[in-house]
Amino acid sequence: MAKILIAEDERDIRELIEFTLTAYAGHQVFKAANGAEAVELAPQVMPDLIVMDVRMPRMTGYEACKALKKIDSVKDIPVVFLSAKGQESEIDTGLDAGAYDYILKPFAPVELATRVGEILKRFEKSA
């Protein structure tokens, strides 16, 4: 079981991600409603993975990812963006901000759980 921080401003999507990663995949999930909360919460919970929306209030996912990469204690935690914006320029912006991967919305819950499991295995975390 891995610890995963999710940052998503839409409650229904946040709950779907939480359900998928806890009930289906058995992970422990911590939730943030925006990028600023994620930046504040990450050093407290020290997750194995951060799954983050791109478009959020207070601080975008891109801004939050850049901020997280400046914090020594969490800078090596992989960040995965979830976004409906699938243009190559958007994906490049996310990867340039320090993200490890980019998953497009809408996603099938089994696809999300599988991708998260693969990423955790690459980083030698229990999947």
N, C-alpha and C. Protein backbone atom coordinates (compact mmCIF):
# COMPACT_ATOMS: atom_id res chain seq x y z
N MET A 1 0.85 -1.19 0.00
CA MET A 1 0.00 0.00 0.00
C MET A 1 0.88 1.25 0.00
N ALA A 2 0.58 2.13 -0.92
CA ALA A 2 1.33 3.38 -1.02
C ALA A 2 0.48 4.53 -0.50
N LYS A 3 1.17 5.60 -0.13
CA LYS A 3 0.47 6.83 0.26
C LYS A 3 0.43 7.73 -0.98
N ILE A 4 -0.77 8.18 -1.32
CA ILE A 4 -0.94 9.01 -2.51
C ILE A 4 -1.69 10.28 -2.14
N LEU A 5 -1.13 11.40 -2.54
CA LEU A 5 -1.78 12.70 -2.36
C LEU A 5 -2.46 13.06 -3.67
N ILE A 6 -3.76 13.34 -3.60
CA ILE A 6 -4.47 13.80 -4.79
C ILE A 6 -4.87 15.26 -4.60
N ALA A 7 -4.67 16.04 -5.64
CA ALA A 7 -5.06 17.45 -5.64
C ALA A 7 -6.01 17.65 -6.82
N GLU A 8 -7.26 17.88 -6.51
CA GLU A 8 -8.30 18.03 -7.53
C GLU A 8 -9.37 18.94 -6.96
N ASP A 9 -9.73 19.99 -7.70
CA ASP A 9 -10.70 20.95 -7.19
C ASP A 9 -12.15 20.50 -7.35
N GLU A 10 -12.43 19.60 -8.28
CA GLU A 10 -13.81 19.13 -8.48
C GLU A 10 -14.06 17.95 -7.54
N ARG A 11 -14.99 18.16 -6.60
CA ARG A 11 -15.24 17.17 -5.55
C ARG A 11 -15.57 15.79 -6.10
N ASP A 12 -16.44 15.71 -7.10
CA ASP A 12 -16.84 14.41 -7.64
C ASP A 12 -15.65 13.65 -8.23
N ILE A 13 -14.80 14.35 -8.93
CA ILE A 13 -13.61 13.70 -9.51
C ILE A 13 -12.64 13.30 -8.41
N ARG A 14 -12.48 14.18 -7.41
CA ARG A 14 -11.60 13.87 -6.27
C ARG A 14 -12.08 12.60 -5.57
N GLU A 15 -13.40 12.48 -5.38
CA GLU A 15 -13.95 11.30 -4.71
C GLU A 15 -13.82 10.05 -5.57
N LEU A 16 -13.96 10.18 -6.88
CA LEU A 16 -13.77 9.05 -7.78
C LEU A 16 -12.33 8.56 -7.73
N ILE A 17 -11.39 9.50 -7.76
CA ILE A 17 -9.97 9.12 -7.68
C ILE A 17 -9.68 8.45 -6.34
N GLU A 18 -10.21 9.03 -5.26
CA GLU A 18 -10.00 8.45 -3.92
C GLU A 18 -10.56 7.04 -3.87
N PHE A 19 -11.79 6.85 -4.33
CA PHE A 19 -12.42 5.53 -4.30
C PHE A 19 -11.60 4.53 -5.12
N THR A 20 -11.20 4.94 -6.31
CA THR A 20 -10.43 4.06 -7.19
C THR A 20 -9.13 3.62 -6.53
N LEU A 21 -8.43 4.57 -5.94
CA LEU A 21 -7.11 4.26 -5.40
C LEU A 21 -7.16 3.58 -4.03
N THR A 22 -8.27 3.74 -3.30
CA THR A 22 -8.39 3.06 -2.00
C THR A 22 -9.09 1.71 -2.14
N ALA A 23 -10.32 1.73 -2.63
CA ALA A 23 -11.11 0.50 -2.69
C ALA A 23 -10.58 -0.47 -3.74
N TYR A 24 -10.23 0.04 -4.89
CA TYR A 24 -9.79 -0.83 -5.98
C TYR A 24 -8.32 -1.22 -5.85
N ALA A 25 -7.48 -0.26 -5.51
CA ALA A 25 -6.04 -0.50 -5.52
C ALA A 25 -5.43 -0.62 -4.12
N GLY A 26 -6.18 -0.31 -3.06
CA GLY A 26 -5.69 -0.50 -1.70
C GLY A 26 -4.70 0.52 -1.17
N HIS A 27 -4.63 1.69 -1.78
CA HIS A 27 -3.70 2.72 -1.33
C HIS A 27 -4.32 3.61 -0.26
N GLN A 28 -3.48 4.29 0.46
CA GLN A 28 -3.91 5.30 1.43
C GLN A 28 -3.89 6.64 0.70
N VAL A 29 -5.02 7.38 0.76
CA VAL A 29 -5.15 8.61 -0.02
C VAL A 29 -5.32 9.82 0.90
N PHE A 30 -4.62 10.88 0.56
CA PHE A 30 -4.76 12.18 1.22
C PHE A 30 -5.27 13.13 0.15
N LYS A 31 -6.16 14.06 0.53
CA LYS A 31 -6.81 14.91 -0.48
C LYS A 31 -6.55 16.38 -0.24
N ALA A 32 -6.36 17.09 -1.37
CA ALA A 32 -6.24 18.55 -1.37
C ALA A 32 -7.19 19.07 -2.44
N ALA A 33 -7.81 20.21 -2.17
CA ALA A 33 -8.79 20.78 -3.10
C ALA A 33 -8.17 21.76 -4.09
N ASN A 34 -6.88 22.05 -3.92
CA ASN A 34 -6.20 22.95 -4.86
C ASN A 34 -4.69 22.77 -4.72
N GLY A 35 -3.97 23.44 -5.61
CA GLY A 35 -2.52 23.29 -5.61
C GLY A 35 -1.85 23.79 -4.35
N ALA A 36 -2.35 24.88 -3.80
CA ALA A 36 -1.75 25.44 -2.59
C ALA A 36 -1.88 24.46 -1.42
N GLU A 37 -3.04 23.82 -1.30
CA GLU A 37 -3.22 22.82 -0.24
C GLU A 37 -2.27 21.64 -0.44
N ALA A 38 -2.06 21.25 -1.69
CA ALA A 38 -1.16 20.13 -1.97
C ALA A 38 0.27 20.46 -1.56
N VAL A 39 0.71 21.67 -1.85
CA VAL A 39 2.06 22.09 -1.48
C VAL A 39 2.22 22.10 0.04
N GLU A 40 1.17 22.51 0.74
CA GLU A 40 1.20 22.55 2.21
C GLU A 40 1.16 21.14 2.80
N LEU A 41 0.34 20.28 2.22
CA LEU A 41 0.10 18.94 2.76
C LEU A 41 1.23 17.95 2.46
N ALA A 42 1.85 18.05 1.31
CA ALA A 42 2.85 17.06 0.89
C ALA A 42 3.96 16.84 1.92
N PRO A 43 4.60 17.89 2.46
CA PRO A 43 5.67 17.65 3.44
C PRO A 43 5.16 17.04 4.74
N GLN A 44 3.88 17.22 5.03
CA GLN A 44 3.30 16.66 6.26
C GLN A 44 3.04 15.17 6.14
N VAL A 45 2.54 14.73 4.97
CA VAL A 45 2.17 13.32 4.81
C VAL A 45 3.23 12.49 4.10
N MET A 46 4.17 13.14 3.41
CA MET A 46 5.24 12.47 2.68
C MET A 46 4.70 11.32 1.81
N PRO A 47 3.88 11.67 0.82
CA PRO A 47 3.30 10.63 -0.03
C PRO A 47 4.35 9.98 -0.93
N ASP A 48 3.98 8.81 -1.44
CA ASP A 48 4.84 8.12 -2.39
C ASP A 48 4.61 8.63 -3.81
N LEU A 49 3.44 9.25 -4.03
CA LEU A 49 3.05 9.74 -5.34
C LEU A 49 2.07 10.88 -5.16
N ILE A 50 2.12 11.86 -6.05
CA ILE A 50 1.17 12.98 -6.05
C ILE A 50 0.46 12.97 -7.39
N VAL A 51 -0.87 12.90 -7.35
CA VAL A 51 -1.70 12.94 -8.55
C VAL A 51 -2.44 14.27 -8.51
N MET A 52 -2.24 15.10 -9.54
CA MET A 52 -2.69 16.47 -9.47
C MET A 52 -3.38 16.94 -10.75
N ASP A 53 -4.51 17.62 -10.57
CA ASP A 53 -5.18 18.27 -11.68
C ASP A 53 -4.32 19.44 -12.13
N VAL A 54 -4.52 19.88 -13.36
CA VAL A 54 -3.77 21.02 -13.88
C VAL A 54 -4.47 22.33 -13.54
N ARG A 55 -5.75 22.43 -13.84
CA ARG A 55 -6.52 23.65 -13.65
C ARG A 55 -7.20 23.64 -12.30
N MET A 56 -6.66 24.42 -11.35
CA MET A 56 -7.23 24.51 -10.01
C MET A 56 -7.15 25.95 -9.53
N PRO A 57 -8.04 26.32 -8.60
CA PRO A 57 -7.97 27.67 -8.03
C PRO A 57 -6.79 27.80 -7.06
N ARG A 58 -6.47 29.03 -6.73
CA ARG A 58 -5.40 29.41 -5.80
C ARG A 58 -4.00 29.15 -6.33
N MET A 59 -3.78 27.98 -6.93
CA MET A 59 -2.48 27.64 -7.50
C MET A 59 -2.72 26.51 -8.49
N THR A 60 -2.29 26.70 -9.73
CA THR A 60 -2.50 25.65 -10.72
C THR A 60 -1.62 24.44 -10.40
N GLY A 61 -1.90 23.34 -11.06
CA GLY A 61 -1.07 22.17 -10.88
C GLY A 61 0.37 22.43 -11.30
N TYR A 62 0.54 23.18 -12.39
CA TYR A 62 1.89 23.51 -12.84
C TYR A 62 2.65 24.29 -11.77
N GLU A 63 1.99 25.30 -11.22
CA GLU A 63 2.62 26.12 -10.17
C GLU A 63 2.93 25.28 -8.94
N ALA A 64 1.98 24.42 -8.56
CA ALA A 64 2.18 23.57 -7.39
C ALA A 64 3.33 22.60 -7.60
N CYS A 65 3.41 22.02 -8.78
CA CYS A 65 4.49 21.08 -9.08
C CYS A 65 5.85 21.78 -8.98
N LYS A 66 5.94 22.96 -9.57
CA LYS A 66 7.19 23.72 -9.49
C LYS A 66 7.55 24.04 -8.04
N ALA A 67 6.54 24.40 -7.24
CA ALA A 67 6.79 24.71 -5.82
C ALA A 67 7.24 23.46 -5.07
N LEU A 68 6.61 22.32 -5.34
CA LEU A 68 6.99 21.08 -4.67
C LEU A 68 8.42 20.68 -5.01
N LYS A 69 8.84 20.91 -6.23
CA LYS A 69 10.19 20.53 -6.65
C LYS A 69 11.26 21.40 -6.00
N LYS A 70 10.86 22.50 -5.35
CA LYS A 70 11.80 23.37 -4.63
C LYS A 70 11.91 23.00 -3.15
N ILE A 71 11.09 22.06 -2.68
CA ILE A 71 11.09 21.65 -1.28
C ILE A 71 11.91 20.37 -1.17
N ASP A 72 13.03 20.45 -0.48
CA ASP A 72 13.96 19.31 -0.42
C ASP A 72 13.30 18.00 0.01
N SER A 73 12.43 18.05 1.00
CA SER A 73 11.86 16.81 1.53
C SER A 73 10.91 16.11 0.57
N VAL A 74 10.35 16.83 -0.41
CA VAL A 74 9.37 16.22 -1.32
C VAL A 74 9.75 16.32 -2.80
N LYS A 75 10.88 16.91 -3.10
CA LYS A 75 11.23 17.19 -4.49
C LYS A 75 11.37 15.94 -5.35
N ASP A 76 11.66 14.79 -4.75
CA ASP A 76 11.85 13.56 -5.51
C ASP A 76 10.58 12.71 -5.62
N ILE A 77 9.49 13.17 -5.04
CA ILE A 77 8.23 12.44 -5.13
C ILE A 77 7.67 12.64 -6.54
N PRO A 78 7.34 11.55 -7.23
CA PRO A 78 6.80 11.72 -8.59
C PRO A 78 5.43 12.38 -8.58
N VAL A 79 5.23 13.29 -9.53
CA VAL A 79 3.97 13.99 -9.71
C VAL A 79 3.38 13.55 -11.04
N VAL A 80 2.10 13.21 -11.01
CA VAL A 80 1.38 12.83 -12.22
C VAL A 80 0.23 13.81 -12.40
N PHE A 81 0.16 14.42 -13.57
CA PHE A 81 -0.95 15.33 -13.85
C PHE A 81 -2.13 14.58 -14.44
N LEU A 82 -3.32 15.00 -14.02
CA LEU A 82 -4.58 14.55 -14.61
C LEU A 82 -5.19 15.78 -15.25
N SER A 83 -5.52 15.70 -16.53
CA SER A 83 -6.09 16.87 -17.18
C SER A 83 -6.89 16.50 -18.40
N ALA A 84 -7.92 17.29 -18.68
CA ALA A 84 -8.69 17.15 -19.91
C ALA A 84 -7.96 17.84 -21.06
N LYS A 85 -6.97 18.63 -20.74
CA LYS A 85 -6.20 19.35 -21.76
C LYS A 85 -5.09 18.44 -22.27
N GLY A 86 -5.31 17.84 -23.44
CA GLY A 86 -4.35 16.86 -23.94
C GLY A 86 -3.47 17.34 -25.08
N GLN A 87 -3.49 18.65 -25.35
CA GLN A 87 -2.62 19.15 -26.41
C GLN A 87 -1.16 18.93 -26.03
N GLU A 88 -0.34 18.72 -27.05
CA GLU A 88 1.07 18.46 -26.81
C GLU A 88 1.73 19.58 -26.00
N SER A 89 1.33 20.82 -26.26
CA SER A 89 1.92 21.95 -25.52
C SER A 89 1.57 21.88 -24.04
N GLU A 90 0.35 21.43 -23.71
CA GLU A 90 -0.05 21.29 -22.31
C GLU A 90 0.77 20.19 -21.63
N ILE A 91 0.93 19.08 -22.32
CA ILE A 91 1.70 17.97 -21.76
C ILE A 91 3.16 18.39 -21.56
N ASP A 92 3.72 19.08 -22.56
CA ASP A 92 5.09 19.57 -22.43
C ASP A 92 5.24 20.52 -21.25
N THR A 93 4.26 21.40 -21.05
CA THR A 93 4.30 22.33 -19.92
C THR A 93 4.32 21.57 -18.61
N GLY A 94 3.50 20.53 -18.52
CA GLY A 94 3.47 19.71 -17.30
C GLY A 94 4.78 19.00 -17.04
N LEU A 95 5.34 18.43 -18.07
CA LEU A 95 6.62 17.74 -17.91
C LEU A 95 7.74 18.72 -17.60
N ASP A 96 7.69 19.90 -18.21
CA ASP A 96 8.68 20.94 -17.91
C ASP A 96 8.57 21.44 -16.48
N ALA A 97 7.37 21.38 -15.90
CA ALA A 97 7.16 21.80 -14.51
C ALA A 97 7.71 20.78 -13.53
N GLY A 98 8.06 19.60 -14.03
CA GLY A 98 8.64 18.58 -13.17
C GLY A 98 7.81 17.32 -13.01
N ALA A 99 6.71 17.22 -13.73
CA ALA A 99 5.85 16.03 -13.62
C ALA A 99 6.52 14.82 -14.23
N TYR A 100 6.19 13.67 -13.68
CA TYR A 100 6.71 12.41 -14.20
C TYR A 100 5.85 11.88 -15.34
N ASP A 101 4.54 12.10 -15.24
CA ASP A 101 3.62 11.57 -16.24
C ASP A 101 2.39 12.45 -16.33
N TYR A 102 1.55 12.15 -17.32
CA TYR A 102 0.38 12.97 -17.63
C TYR A 102 -0.72 12.00 -18.05
N ILE A 103 -1.83 11.99 -17.32
CA ILE A 103 -2.97 11.13 -17.63
C ILE A 103 -4.13 12.01 -18.07
N LEU A 104 -4.74 11.64 -19.17
CA LEU A 104 -5.83 12.46 -19.70
C LEU A 104 -7.19 12.07 -19.11
N LYS A 105 -8.01 13.10 -18.85
CA LYS A 105 -9.40 12.90 -18.47
C LYS A 105 -10.22 12.93 -19.76
N PRO A 106 -11.30 12.20 -19.83
CA PRO A 106 -11.77 11.26 -18.81
C PRO A 106 -10.92 10.00 -18.83
N PHE A 107 -10.82 9.36 -17.70
CA PHE A 107 -10.04 8.13 -17.57
C PHE A 107 -10.95 7.06 -17.00
N ALA A 108 -10.66 5.82 -17.34
CA ALA A 108 -11.36 4.70 -16.73
C ALA A 108 -10.69 4.43 -15.39
N PRO A 109 -11.46 4.17 -14.34
CA PRO A 109 -10.84 3.91 -13.03
C PRO A 109 -9.78 2.81 -13.08
N VAL A 110 -10.04 1.74 -13.81
CA VAL A 110 -9.05 0.66 -13.89
C VAL A 110 -7.77 1.16 -14.57
N GLU A 111 -7.90 2.03 -15.56
CA GLU A 111 -6.72 2.60 -16.22
C GLU A 111 -5.91 3.43 -15.23
N LEU A 112 -6.59 4.25 -14.43
CA LEU A 112 -5.91 5.08 -13.44
C LEU A 112 -5.17 4.20 -12.44
N ALA A 113 -5.84 3.19 -11.90
CA ALA A 113 -5.22 2.31 -10.92
C ALA A 113 -4.01 1.59 -11.52
N THR A 114 -4.13 1.15 -12.77
CA THR A 114 -3.04 0.46 -13.44
C THR A 114 -1.84 1.38 -13.65
N ARG A 115 -2.10 2.58 -14.15
CA ARG A 115 -1.00 3.54 -14.39
C ARG A 115 -0.31 3.92 -13.08
N VAL A 116 -1.10 4.17 -12.04
CA VAL A 116 -0.53 4.51 -10.73
C VAL A 116 0.33 3.35 -10.23
N GLY A 117 -0.17 2.12 -10.37
CA GLY A 117 0.60 0.95 -9.95
C GLY A 117 1.92 0.83 -10.69
N GLU A 118 1.89 1.08 -12.00
CA GLU A 118 3.11 1.01 -12.81
C GLU A 118 4.12 2.07 -12.37
N ILE A 119 3.64 3.27 -12.10
CA ILE A 119 4.54 4.35 -11.67
C ILE A 119 5.14 4.02 -10.31
N LEU A 120 4.33 3.53 -9.40
CA LEU A 120 4.84 3.17 -8.07
C LEU A 120 5.90 2.08 -8.18
N LYS A 121 5.69 1.11 -9.05
CA LYS A 121 6.69 0.04 -9.24
C LYS A 121 8.00 0.60 -9.76
N ARG A 122 7.92 1.57 -10.67
CA ARG A 122 9.14 2.19 -11.20
C ARG A 122 9.93 2.89 -10.11
N PHE A 123 9.19 3.41 -9.14
CA PHE A 123 9.85 4.12 -8.03
C PHE A 123 10.01 3.22 -6.81
N GLU A 124 9.83 1.91 -7.02
CA GLU A 124 10.01 0.90 -5.99
C GLU A 124 9.15 1.11 -4.75
N LYS A 125 7.90 1.51 -4.99
CA LYS A 125 6.93 1.63 -3.91
C LYS A 125 5.95 0.49 -4.07
N SER A 126 5.34 0.06 -2.99
CA SER A 126 4.39 -1.04 -3.09
C SER A 126 3.18 -0.59 -3.89
N ALA A 127 2.81 -1.38 -4.85
CA ALA A 127 1.71 -1.02 -5.75
C ALA A 127 0.44 -1.75 -5.42
